Protein backbone atom coordinates (compact mmCIF):
# COMPACT_ATOMS: atom_id res chain seq x y z
CA MET A 1 -29.36 -124.02 67.83
CA LEU A 2 -26.21 -124.18 66.55
CA ILE A 3 -24.98 -126.50 63.44
CA ALA A 4 -21.62 -126.69 62.76
CA ALA A 5 -21.14 -125.19 59.11
CA GLY A 6 -20.42 -127.56 56.23
CA GLN A 7 -19.46 -127.69 52.28
CA PHE A 8 -22.80 -129.52 51.98
CA ARG A 9 -26.79 -128.51 52.28
CA VAL A 10 -28.66 -129.46 55.16
CA ALA A 11 -31.82 -131.16 55.48
CA ARG A 12 -34.19 -129.06 58.02
CA ALA A 13 -37.34 -126.99 58.29
CA HIS A 14 -36.21 -123.32 58.43
CA THR A 15 -36.41 -121.72 61.90
CA GLY A 16 -33.65 -119.17 61.84
CA ASN A 17 -30.37 -121.53 62.46
CA THR A 18 -27.10 -120.52 63.57
CA TYR A 19 -23.70 -121.88 61.74
CA ARG A 20 -20.42 -121.82 63.59
CA VAL A 21 -17.80 -120.82 61.41
CA GLU A 22 -13.78 -121.07 63.02
CA LEU A 23 -11.38 -118.03 63.06
CA THR A 24 -8.12 -120.07 62.48
CA ALA A 25 -4.53 -119.32 61.54
CA ALA A 26 -5.30 -120.56 57.94
CA GLY A 27 -8.46 -118.94 57.43
CA PHE A 28 -12.32 -119.46 57.34
CA VAL A 29 -13.20 -122.95 58.31
CA PRO A 30 -15.55 -123.53 56.89
CA SER A 31 -14.80 -121.22 53.66
CA GLN A 32 -17.94 -122.25 51.60
CA LEU A 33 -21.00 -122.39 53.09
CA GLU A 34 -25.01 -121.97 51.99
CA ILE A 35 -27.92 -120.97 54.38
CA LEU A 36 -31.01 -119.22 54.64
CA ALA A 37 -32.17 -115.76 54.63
CA GLY A 38 -32.62 -115.13 58.81
CA ASP A 39 -30.05 -117.35 59.25
CA THR A 40 -26.96 -116.67 61.48
CA LEU A 41 -23.17 -117.20 61.14
CA LEU A 42 -21.25 -117.42 64.30
CA PHE A 43 -17.52 -116.61 64.14
CA GLU A 44 -15.40 -118.17 66.90
CA ASN A 45 -11.64 -117.52 67.00
CA THR A 46 -9.96 -120.09 67.75
CA ASP A 47 -6.48 -119.00 66.68
CA GLN A 48 -4.27 -117.49 68.83
CA SER A 49 -4.36 -114.10 67.11
CA ASP A 50 -7.34 -111.78 66.16
CA HIS A 51 -9.22 -111.68 63.18
CA TRP A 52 -11.76 -109.48 61.90
CA PRO A 53 -15.10 -111.18 59.34
CA ALA A 54 -16.29 -108.72 56.95
CA SER A 55 -18.19 -108.18 53.73
CA ASP A 56 -15.82 -107.82 50.49
CA VAL A 57 -14.53 -105.60 49.12
CA HIS A 58 -11.52 -105.16 51.16
CA PRO A 59 -10.73 -102.25 52.80
CA THR A 60 -14.49 -100.73 52.30
CA HIS A 61 -17.02 -103.69 52.86
CA GLN A 62 -19.16 -102.06 50.66
CA PHE A 63 -20.69 -105.14 48.98
CA TYR A 64 -22.40 -105.78 52.52
CA PRO A 65 -21.39 -103.10 54.92
CA ASP A 66 -23.37 -104.32 57.85
CA PHE A 67 -21.78 -107.60 57.46
CA ASP A 68 -18.61 -105.99 59.29
CA ALA A 69 -17.30 -107.06 63.27
CA GLN A 70 -16.15 -103.48 63.07
CA ARG A 71 -13.16 -104.53 65.81
CA PRO A 72 -10.84 -107.43 66.17
CA ILE A 73 -12.13 -110.62 67.52
CA SER A 74 -9.29 -111.62 70.28
CA PRO A 75 -8.85 -115.04 70.83
CA GLY A 76 -11.48 -117.36 72.08
CA ASP A 77 -14.46 -114.84 71.13
CA SER A 78 -16.93 -114.80 68.55
CA TRP A 79 -19.19 -112.59 66.88
CA SER A 80 -22.24 -113.43 64.58
CA PHE A 81 -24.29 -111.96 61.98
CA ALA A 82 -27.83 -112.87 60.96
CA PHE A 83 -28.13 -112.65 57.14
CA PHE A 84 -31.48 -111.19 55.93
CA ARG A 85 -30.32 -110.21 52.05
CA PRO A 86 -30.81 -113.03 49.68
CA GLY A 87 -27.52 -113.39 46.96
CA VAL A 88 -23.92 -114.53 46.71
CA TRP A 89 -21.63 -112.54 49.63
CA GLY A 90 -18.07 -113.24 49.37
CA PHE A 91 -16.21 -111.71 52.74
CA HIS A 92 -12.44 -111.92 54.09
CA ASP A 93 -10.60 -111.45 57.09
CA HIS A 94 -9.85 -107.35 57.45
CA LEU A 95 -6.71 -108.37 59.61
CA ASN A 96 -5.62 -110.64 57.28
CA PRO A 97 -7.16 -110.16 53.68
CA GLN A 98 -5.43 -113.28 51.98
CA PHE A 99 -8.35 -115.08 53.75
CA LYS A 100 -11.26 -115.49 51.64
CA ALA A 101 -14.90 -117.13 52.03
CA GLN A 102 -18.28 -116.83 50.61
CA VAL A 103 -21.81 -117.51 52.17
CA VAL A 104 -24.54 -118.09 49.68
CA VAL A 105 -27.79 -116.48 51.11
CA LEU A 106 -30.89 -118.29 49.74
CA PRO A 107 -34.63 -116.68 50.31
CA ASP A 108 -36.21 -118.32 53.43
CA ASN A 109 -38.98 -119.91 51.18
CA HIS A 110 -36.03 -122.46 49.64
CA LEU A 111 -35.40 -125.61 51.41
CA ILE A 112 -31.82 -126.33 51.93
CA SER A 113 -31.68 -130.41 51.29
CA ASN A 114 -29.40 -133.26 50.69
CA ASP A 115 -32.03 -134.62 48.73
CA PRO A 116 -30.39 -133.26 44.69
CA SER A 117 -33.97 -133.34 43.73
CA GLY A 118 -35.09 -130.43 46.17
CA THR A 119 -38.52 -131.91 46.01
CA ALA A 120 -38.85 -132.23 49.91
CA SER A 121 -41.39 -130.49 51.22
CA GLY A 122 -40.59 -127.00 53.50
CA THR A 123 -42.32 -125.18 56.17
CA SER A 124 -45.60 -123.55 55.43
CA TRP A 125 -45.90 -119.93 53.95
CA LEU A 126 -47.79 -118.55 57.20
CA ALA A 127 -45.07 -120.16 59.80
CA ARG A 128 -42.47 -118.86 57.34
CA TYR A 129 -44.61 -115.47 57.37
CA PHE A 130 -44.31 -115.50 61.64
CA SER A 131 -41.18 -116.65 61.89
CA ALA A 132 -39.68 -113.92 59.62
CA ALA A 133 -41.65 -111.64 61.39
CA ARG A 134 -40.55 -112.61 64.34
CA ARG A 135 -37.03 -112.28 63.76
CA PHE A 136 -38.07 -108.83 62.17
CA TYR A 137 -39.29 -107.48 65.38
CA GLU A 138 -36.37 -108.76 67.40
CA ARG A 139 -33.66 -106.80 65.14
CA VAL A 140 -35.60 -103.84 65.85
CA PHE A 141 -36.67 -104.34 69.56
CA GLU A 142 -32.62 -105.08 69.65
CA ALA A 143 -31.89 -101.90 68.04
CA GLY A 144 -33.95 -99.70 70.06
CA LYS A 145 -31.81 -101.04 73.18
CA LEU A 146 -28.69 -100.26 71.73
CA PHE A 147 -29.72 -96.80 70.64
CA LEU A 148 -31.23 -96.12 74.26
CA ALA A 149 -27.49 -97.44 75.62
CA GLU A 150 -26.11 -94.85 73.53
CA VAL A 151 -28.33 -92.04 74.38
CA PHE A 152 -28.67 -93.02 77.94
CA PRO A 153 -25.51 -95.06 79.08
CA PRO A 154 -26.07 -96.38 82.31
CA ARG A 155 -23.81 -94.88 85.37
CA PRO A 156 -21.34 -97.05 86.60
CA MET A 157 -20.83 -98.07 90.42
CA VAL A 158 -18.97 -95.72 91.83
CA ASP A 159 -16.40 -98.57 93.30
CA GLN A 160 -16.52 -99.98 89.42
CA PRO A 161 -13.27 -99.29 87.54
CA SER A 162 -13.94 -97.14 84.29
CA PRO A 163 -14.05 -99.25 80.85
CA THR A 164 -11.01 -97.34 80.14
CA GLU A 165 -9.19 -98.86 83.49
CA ALA A 166 -10.78 -102.17 83.24
CA ALA A 167 -8.94 -102.57 79.92
CA ALA A 168 -6.09 -101.14 80.79
CA ALA A 169 -6.50 -104.09 83.55
CA ASP A 170 -6.20 -106.55 80.36
CA LEU A 171 -3.54 -104.86 78.95
CA GLN A 172 0.49 -104.20 79.16
CA THR A 173 0.58 -100.32 79.46
CA GLU A 174 4.18 -99.67 80.61
CA PHE A 175 6.74 -98.76 78.03
CA ARG A 176 9.38 -101.18 77.27
CA GLU A 177 12.13 -100.31 74.55
CA PRO A 178 12.65 -101.85 71.95
CA ALA A 179 16.92 -103.79 72.14
CA ARG A 180 18.64 -101.58 69.82
CA ALA A 181 20.66 -103.21 66.82
CA ASP A 182 21.79 -102.41 63.58
CA LEU A 183 20.22 -102.76 60.34
CA GLU A 184 23.28 -104.16 58.71
CA SER A 185 24.18 -106.54 61.10
CA VAL A 186 20.24 -108.02 61.40
CA TYR A 187 20.31 -108.17 57.76
CA ALA A 188 23.68 -110.03 57.56
CA ASP A 189 22.63 -112.50 60.32
CA LEU A 190 18.84 -112.99 59.26
CA ASP A 191 17.26 -116.41 57.94
CA LEU A 192 14.20 -114.97 56.61
CA GLY A 193 12.47 -118.97 55.60
CA CYS A 194 9.91 -117.74 53.66
CA PRO A 195 9.16 -117.51 49.70
CA SER A 196 9.05 -114.36 48.39
CA ASP A 197 5.32 -114.37 47.94
CA ASP A 198 4.03 -116.44 51.17
CA PHE A 199 2.31 -113.32 53.42
CA THR A 200 1.68 -115.77 56.01
CA CYS A 201 4.64 -116.58 56.97
CA LEU A 202 6.08 -113.28 56.01
CA ALA A 203 3.49 -111.79 58.63
CA GLY A 204 5.47 -113.68 61.12
CA PHE A 205 8.90 -113.29 60.28
CA PHE A 206 7.92 -109.39 60.49
CA ARG A 207 6.16 -109.91 63.57
CA GLU A 208 9.24 -111.55 65.39
CA GLU A 209 11.81 -108.93 64.04
CA THR A 210 9.46 -105.94 65.20
CA GLY A 211 9.00 -107.88 69.07
CA LEU A 212 12.72 -107.46 69.19
CA TYR A 213 13.86 -104.53 67.76
CA GLY A 214 10.53 -102.28 67.10
CA PRO A 215 8.66 -101.62 64.21
CA THR A 216 11.21 -99.23 62.53
CA LEU A 217 13.96 -101.40 62.31
CA ALA A 218 11.48 -104.20 60.96
CA ILE A 219 10.26 -101.40 58.33
CA ASP A 220 13.31 -100.81 57.14
CA LEU A 221 14.49 -104.62 57.18
CA LEU A 222 11.32 -105.11 54.73
CA PHE A 223 12.53 -102.44 52.23
CA ARG A 224 15.87 -104.07 52.06
CA LEU A 225 14.64 -107.60 51.53
CA ARG A 226 12.16 -105.94 49.01
CA ASP A 227 14.90 -104.29 46.89
CA ASP A 228 16.87 -107.59 46.95
CA GLY A 229 13.87 -109.38 45.66
CA ARG A 230 13.41 -111.91 48.58
CA VAL A 231 9.69 -109.77 49.57
CA SER A 232 7.60 -109.94 46.29
CA PRO A 233 6.78 -106.53 45.21
CA ASN A 234 3.24 -108.42 45.27
CA VAL A 235 3.18 -108.95 48.83
CA ASP A 236 0.74 -106.20 50.52
CA GLU A 237 3.33 -103.95 52.09
CA HIS A 238 0.53 -102.10 53.93
CA GLN A 239 -1.08 -105.33 55.50
CA LEU A 240 2.57 -106.05 56.70
CA GLY A 241 2.57 -102.78 58.46
CA HIS A 242 -0.62 -103.91 59.84
CA HIS A 243 0.98 -106.80 61.47
CA ILE A 244 4.01 -104.65 62.62
CA GLY A 245 1.89 -102.45 64.63
CA ARG A 246 -0.21 -104.76 66.49
CA GLN A 247 3.19 -106.54 67.70
CA THR A 248 4.49 -102.81 68.56
CA ALA A 249 1.19 -102.95 70.86
CA GLU A 250 1.72 -106.49 72.24
CA SER A 251 5.21 -106.04 73.04
CA PHE A 252 6.25 -102.36 73.90
CA GLY A 253 2.60 -101.50 75.57
CA VAL A 254 -0.07 -99.58 74.85
CA ASN A 255 1.08 -96.19 75.79
CA GLU A 256 1.73 -93.10 73.36
CA ASN A 257 5.88 -93.97 73.14
CA ALA A 258 5.36 -97.26 71.44
CA PHE A 259 2.35 -95.60 69.45
CA LEU A 260 4.96 -93.38 68.08
CA LEU A 261 7.61 -95.90 67.60
CA CYS A 262 5.07 -96.33 64.28
CA PRO A 263 6.85 -94.22 61.11
CA MET A 264 3.64 -92.75 59.50
CA ALA A 265 4.87 -92.07 56.43
CA ALA A 266 6.30 -95.48 55.99
CA LEU A 267 3.81 -98.18 54.45
CA ASN A 268 0.94 -95.89 54.32
CA GLY A 269 0.36 -95.49 57.78
CA GLY A 270 0.27 -99.56 58.35
CA CYS A 271 1.99 -99.59 61.35
CA GLN A 272 -0.27 -97.10 63.58
CA HIS A 273 -3.35 -98.78 62.11
CA GLY A 274 -2.34 -102.08 63.00
CA PHE A 275 -1.61 -100.69 66.56
CA PHE A 276 -4.92 -98.95 66.91
CA GLU A 277 -6.67 -101.86 65.50
CA TYR A 278 -4.95 -104.18 68.40
CA VAL A 279 -5.69 -101.86 71.19
CA LEU A 280 -9.59 -101.25 69.35
CA GLY A 281 -9.72 -105.35 70.23
CA LYS A 282 -8.95 -105.09 73.99
CA THR A 283 -11.54 -101.86 74.36
CA THR A 284 -15.19 -101.01 74.28
CA THR A 285 -15.05 -97.85 71.88
CA SER A 286 -12.44 -96.03 69.73
CA ALA A 287 -12.66 -93.18 72.55
CA GLU A 288 -11.68 -95.60 75.01
CA ALA A 289 -8.79 -96.93 72.60
CA ALA A 290 -7.50 -93.60 71.97
CA ASP A 291 -8.17 -92.44 75.51
CA LEU A 292 -5.21 -95.69 76.47
CA ILE A 293 -2.99 -94.70 73.75
CA CYS A 294 -2.67 -91.14 74.14
CA SER A 295 -4.33 -89.64 76.94
CA SER A 296 -0.77 -90.16 79.28
CA LEU A 297 0.61 -87.48 77.21
CA ASP A 298 1.22 -84.31 79.44
CA GLU A 299 2.27 -80.98 79.37
CA SER A 300 5.86 -82.45 79.24
CA TYR A 301 5.04 -82.79 75.45
CA SER A 302 4.82 -80.69 73.01
CA ALA A 303 1.59 -79.54 71.61
CA LYS A 304 2.57 -80.69 68.45
CA PHE A 305 3.54 -84.16 69.87
CA ARG A 306 -0.06 -84.77 71.70
CA PHE A 307 -1.45 -83.34 68.67
CA TYR A 308 0.18 -85.80 66.69
CA CYS A 309 -0.52 -89.06 68.78
CA TYR A 310 -4.35 -87.95 68.08
CA HIS A 311 -3.96 -87.59 64.42
CA GLY A 312 -2.31 -91.41 64.17
CA VAL A 313 -5.28 -92.30 66.04
CA GLY A 314 -7.24 -90.82 63.54
CA HIS A 315 -5.56 -92.90 60.65
CA GLY A 316 -6.52 -95.74 62.75
CA VAL A 317 -9.94 -95.19 63.34
CA MET A 318 -10.36 -94.35 59.28
CA MET A 319 -9.24 -97.53 58.57
CA ALA A 320 -11.36 -99.48 61.03
CA THR A 321 -14.26 -98.31 59.97
CA ALA A 322 -13.50 -98.94 56.49
CA TYR A 323 -13.38 -95.98 55.23
CA ASP A 324 -16.69 -94.94 56.10
CA LEU A 325 -16.11 -91.35 56.70
CA ASP A 326 -18.87 -89.94 58.28
CA ARG A 327 -18.77 -92.56 60.92
CA ALA A 328 -14.94 -91.97 61.51
CA LEU A 329 -15.79 -88.51 62.08
CA SER A 330 -19.08 -89.16 64.21
CA MET A 331 -16.14 -91.60 66.60
CA CYS A 332 -13.66 -88.48 66.72
CA ASP A 333 -16.26 -86.67 67.75
CA THR A 334 -16.70 -88.99 70.99
CA PHE A 335 -13.26 -87.83 72.18
CA LEU A 336 -12.52 -85.68 74.65
CA GLY A 337 -11.36 -82.23 74.31
CA LEU A 338 -10.72 -80.32 71.42
CA THR A 339 -7.13 -81.60 70.48
CA ALA A 340 -8.08 -84.89 70.78
CA GLN A 341 -10.86 -84.35 68.23
CA ASP A 342 -9.34 -82.23 65.86
CA GLY A 343 -6.28 -84.58 66.01
CA CYS A 344 -8.56 -87.40 64.95
CA TRP A 345 -10.14 -85.44 62.29
CA GLN A 346 -7.19 -84.56 60.42
CA GLY A 347 -5.81 -88.28 60.61
CA VAL A 348 -9.31 -89.20 58.92
CA PHE A 349 -8.98 -86.73 56.57
CA MET A 350 -5.13 -87.52 55.62
CA GLU A 351 -6.22 -91.24 55.41
CA ASN A 352 -9.39 -90.76 53.25
CA VAL A 353 -7.43 -88.78 50.43
CA ASN A 354 -4.27 -91.75 50.91
CA ALA A 355 -7.35 -94.15 49.79
CA GLY A 356 -8.54 -91.76 47.38
CA MET A 357 -5.06 -92.00 45.54
CA ARG A 358 -5.08 -95.68 46.10
CA GLY A 359 -8.17 -96.10 44.53
CA ASP A 360 -9.72 -97.84 48.04
CA ALA A 361 -12.37 -95.08 49.00
CA ARG A 362 -15.47 -95.43 49.34
CA GLU A 363 -17.64 -94.72 45.99
CA GLY A 364 -19.16 -91.68 46.03
CA ILE A 365 -16.50 -89.58 48.38
CA PHE A 366 -14.50 -87.82 45.73
CA SER A 367 -16.08 -86.53 42.81
CA THR A 368 -15.10 -86.55 39.00
CA SER A 369 -16.74 -83.05 38.13
CA ASP A 370 -15.99 -81.54 41.36
CA PRO A 371 -12.16 -81.21 43.23
CA LEU A 372 -13.12 -79.85 46.09
CA ALA A 373 -15.21 -82.57 47.15
CA PRO A 374 -15.63 -83.55 49.77
CA CYS A 375 -14.35 -81.22 51.68
CA ASN A 376 -17.24 -78.73 50.62
CA GLY A 377 -19.81 -81.16 51.45
CA VAL A 378 -18.54 -82.01 55.24
CA ALA A 379 -20.24 -80.15 58.60
CA GLU A 380 -18.08 -76.67 58.70
CA LYS A 381 -16.62 -77.79 61.96
CA TYR A 382 -14.43 -80.35 59.64
CA GLN A 383 -13.62 -78.33 56.79
CA HIS A 384 -10.41 -76.66 57.77
CA GLU A 385 -8.74 -80.38 58.19
CA CYS A 386 -10.25 -81.86 55.43
CA TYR A 387 -8.69 -79.09 52.93
CA VAL A 388 -5.67 -78.78 54.46
CA ASN A 389 -5.10 -82.65 53.83
CA HIS A 390 -6.60 -81.89 50.31
CA ALA A 391 -3.69 -81.49 48.32
CA GLY A 392 -2.53 -85.04 47.46
CA TYR A 393 -6.00 -85.56 45.58
CA LEU A 394 -5.83 -82.33 43.94
CA MET A 395 -2.61 -82.80 42.29
CA SER A 396 -3.99 -86.56 40.99
CA TYR A 397 -7.32 -84.54 39.96
CA PHE A 398 -5.10 -81.50 38.19
CA ASP A 399 -2.06 -83.89 36.90
CA ASN A 400 0.32 -82.28 39.50
CA ASP A 401 -0.52 -78.68 37.49
CA ILE A 402 -0.23 -76.39 40.99
CA ARG A 403 -1.86 -73.28 38.40
CA SER A 404 -5.02 -75.21 38.21
CA ALA A 405 -5.35 -76.87 41.86
CA SER A 406 -4.46 -73.36 43.43
CA ALA A 407 -7.29 -71.53 41.34
CA ALA A 408 -9.22 -74.47 42.33
CA CYS A 409 -9.28 -73.45 46.03
CA LEU A 410 -10.25 -70.16 45.50
CA GLN A 411 -14.19 -71.73 44.97
CA ALA A 412 -13.79 -72.54 48.32
CA ALA A 413 -15.89 -70.86 51.22
CA GLU A 414 -13.98 -67.83 52.04
CA ALA A 415 -12.91 -69.18 55.35
CA PHE A 416 -11.15 -72.08 53.87
CA ILE A 417 -9.54 -70.65 51.13
CA SER A 418 -6.50 -70.37 52.78
CA SER A 419 -6.35 -74.10 54.52
CA CYS A 420 -7.06 -75.17 51.00
CA LEU A 421 -4.14 -73.08 49.94
CA GLN A 422 -1.71 -73.99 52.29
CA SER A 423 -2.39 -77.60 51.74
CA ILE A 424 -0.57 -77.16 48.30
CA GLY A 425 1.94 -74.95 50.05
CA LEU A 426 2.93 -77.80 52.13
CA MET A 427 4.05 -79.71 49.45
CA VAL A 428 6.37 -77.28 47.83
CA THR A 429 8.92 -77.89 49.98
CA ASN A 430 8.83 -81.64 50.36
CA PRO A 431 11.57 -83.11 48.06
CA LEU A 432 9.49 -85.91 47.05
CA TRP A 433 7.13 -83.94 45.69
CA GLN A 434 9.19 -81.41 43.87
CA PRO A 435 9.78 -83.17 40.75
CA ASP A 436 6.83 -84.29 39.89
CA LEU A 437 5.16 -80.77 40.25
CA LEU A 438 7.94 -78.59 38.19
CA GLU A 439 8.86 -79.69 35.30
CA ASP A 440 12.89 -78.35 35.23
CA VAL A 441 14.43 -78.88 38.24
CA ALA A 442 17.95 -79.98 37.09
CA GLY A 443 20.90 -77.93 39.00
CA LYS A 444 18.50 -75.67 41.34
CA GLU A 445 18.46 -75.85 45.01
CA PHE A 446 15.79 -76.92 47.00
CA VAL A 447 14.74 -73.58 48.34
CA GLN A 448 14.66 -72.04 44.73
CA ILE A 449 12.43 -75.00 43.43
CA ALA A 450 9.77 -74.24 46.14
CA TRP A 451 9.86 -70.43 45.43
CA GLU A 452 9.37 -71.15 41.66
CA LEU A 453 6.31 -73.58 42.81
CA CYS A 454 5.04 -70.75 44.76
CA MET A 455 4.69 -68.10 42.06
CA GLN A 456 2.33 -70.47 40.59
CA PHE A 457 -0.10 -69.74 42.72
CA PRO A 458 -2.50 -66.88 42.36
CA ALA A 459 -0.46 -63.73 43.05
CA ALA A 460 -2.79 -62.33 45.90
CA TRP A 461 -2.86 -65.64 47.72
CA ARG A 462 1.15 -66.18 47.79
CA GLU A 463 1.47 -65.63 51.25
CA GLN A 464 -0.66 -69.04 51.56
CA CYS A 465 2.26 -71.10 50.05
CA VAL A 466 5.00 -69.45 52.09
CA LEU A 467 2.85 -70.64 55.20
CA GLY A 468 2.34 -73.91 53.92
CA GLY A 469 6.01 -74.52 52.86
CA ILE A 470 7.48 -73.19 56.29
CA ASP A 471 4.92 -75.48 58.18
CA ASN A 472 6.30 -78.33 55.78
CA ILE A 473 9.81 -78.04 57.19
CA HIS A 474 8.89 -77.64 60.70
CA ASN A 475 7.44 -80.63 60.40
CA PHE A 476 10.15 -82.76 59.49
CA ASP A 477 13.32 -80.42 60.54
CA VAL A 478 11.81 -79.25 64.54
CA PHE A 479 14.32 -76.80 65.54
CA ASP A 480 17.01 -77.34 62.88
CA LEU A 481 16.48 -74.01 61.15
CA THR A 482 18.91 -74.43 58.33
CA ARG A 483 16.16 -74.77 55.84
CA ALA A 484 13.90 -73.16 57.04
CA ILE A 485 16.33 -69.59 57.12
CA SER A 486 16.92 -70.97 53.39
CA PHE A 487 13.33 -71.49 52.62
CA CYS A 488 12.13 -67.82 53.87
CA ASP A 489 15.80 -66.21 52.89
CA ALA A 490 14.67 -67.07 49.47
CA VAL A 491 10.97 -65.75 48.78
CA ASP A 492 10.58 -62.22 47.69
CA PRO A 493 10.72 -59.71 50.46
CA GLU A 494 7.23 -58.90 51.07
CA TYR A 495 6.84 -62.46 52.46
CA ARG A 496 9.87 -62.74 54.77
CA GLU A 497 8.13 -61.00 57.85
CA VAL A 498 5.23 -63.59 57.91
CA CYS A 499 7.95 -66.17 57.15
CA TYR A 500 9.45 -65.80 59.79
CA GLN A 501 7.01 -65.59 62.18
CA ARG A 502 5.29 -68.33 61.35
CA MET A 503 8.92 -70.12 61.72
CA GLY A 504 8.17 -68.72 65.73
CA LEU A 505 4.77 -70.65 65.91
CA ASN A 506 6.14 -73.54 64.67
CA LEU A 507 8.97 -73.55 66.89
CA LYS A 508 6.46 -72.67 70.01
CA ASN A 509 4.24 -75.90 68.56
CA ASN A 510 7.58 -77.96 69.22
CA ALA A 511 8.80 -76.90 72.20
CA THR A 512 8.14 -77.70 75.68
CA ASP A 513 9.77 -74.84 77.39
CA LEU A 514 9.38 -71.36 76.47
CA GLU A 515 13.19 -70.56 76.30
CA GLU A 516 13.72 -72.84 73.75
CA VAL A 517 11.77 -71.03 71.61
CA ARG A 518 13.63 -67.94 72.60
CA MET A 519 17.25 -69.44 71.91
CA ALA A 520 16.12 -70.20 68.36
CA CYS A 521 14.78 -66.93 67.50
CA ALA A 522 17.98 -65.08 68.81
CA SER A 523 19.97 -67.03 66.89
CA LEU A 524 18.23 -65.12 63.50
CA ALA A 525 19.59 -62.30 61.94
CA ALA A 526 18.76 -59.45 64.05
CA ASP A 527 16.11 -58.07 61.57
CA TYR A 528 13.94 -61.19 62.06
CA GLU A 529 14.38 -62.39 66.02
CA PRO A 530 11.44 -60.11 66.44
CA ALA A 531 9.01 -61.51 64.16
CA CYS A 532 10.13 -64.83 64.81
CA LEU A 533 9.41 -63.69 69.05
CA ALA A 534 5.90 -62.20 67.66
CA GLY A 535 4.87 -65.37 66.21
CA ALA A 536 5.59 -67.40 69.08
CA GLY A 537 3.59 -65.15 70.88
CA LEU A 538 6.85 -63.81 72.98
CA VAL A 539 8.20 -60.33 73.04
CA PRO A 540 11.81 -59.38 73.43
CA GLU A 541 13.55 -59.31 76.84
CA SER A 542 14.73 -56.23 78.22
CA PRO A 543 18.10 -56.10 79.05
CA GLU A 544 17.54 -56.96 82.62
CA GLY A 545 15.95 -60.10 81.40
CA GLN A 546 12.63 -58.78 82.40
CA ASP A 547 9.97 -59.21 79.08
CA ASP A 548 8.85 -55.49 78.14
CA GLY A 549 4.70 -54.20 78.81
């Protein structure tokens, strides 16, 4: 039986009823309801945009973890959830967390009635028992069907399109370039038309700007309006990033080029989160969503570029699973190929650390007594990516004390000590972190600060700081070797050879043509060209232009 839910009590004998809740542009309708255990809420999207009902608290949904659609609900679609746990349950729209609601779930021996005295008689205890038992076994049966379907998925007919092909047929997958525009010109001509703290209005404005000019300009415009006081600091910028990312997918196509328009560093990755969530709502699984976004990357893209696409998807997977680390990693495991899986793992762990530093991580993930958690507790295949993204949390744990943080890394399993230390090394060449990590940076050059920070590592492990430091420079500078050369020349002579070797490896990962790598290595001082080539897995060319050996 389907009943339109309202803000009132309904007189009835309890038979496990279903109540309708609309997902609208203004939130949940109704937003307050009272039901019995065993009743179902049917969420129907009557809006033109996706919505995602889930239990409080945002973003982890931990009050009632099962109450989570786990994907966007598209316009015209619906999702239902049966409540079996009595209590007062707050919930929200995961895509628009300012939309809040509450359901009171009474034990099923209570009567929901218009009678204020509550004296009307209810169904017999025997009827309620068999009704509850029937619903329990129905849930067990349905869970069993889902389990068997996952273990033994039905084979598609030969003449049927794959799920990804079917999803792609309903999506714009061809890339469309954003219109080119100058930030200052757009800013000068804009009509914001929104109160500074009206999230819904602001989300609509930035989606419109994104649809015209792309996510980078929209995000730069957000920062400009925030600095000018026209966007309140109380507005959740990360959630605005989600709206920007969703519009990016809708306007510029579901493909890797559109996805990588989203700047990962801005808004805590909100743009890429939103992009992935948009695609997730149009596909059956996270693997299909990732396949649509990244699978067309071929050898014309660098290895690093392909890896980074799946890395960005990993951030989205973590957000889509409400920061459930185990579930997110399991989703990554369904991706096809090690590059896809490994990139996804890295994105998941980076997002996990970001959440931990914001206070949004799930309870029990990080530890107040063990600085290496969760990395020392996950499966071995995940530990490298966990440790190589752990430095931010270590800095938080040790109050930016590199000596203590790097010493803690030595307690990791031997195979992952280097990963942990290189994670900290990534930070020493980051100009945004340097003032937090070294007390006195006044008048010191970038590379001088970096080496002073490396000197705080345990003496036998400073090479790992150098490796992390040069990796981070190449992450930003790619083929511009100015800072990379300055850094390698600033470290102690015993580490310069390994620094230039790592430079060669980074050049190879960034290149699509090995000739680019040879030319870059040839631009170095003659003493270090062989090290650069060796790091790239190349050998010097003979005078006749043929490789030796």
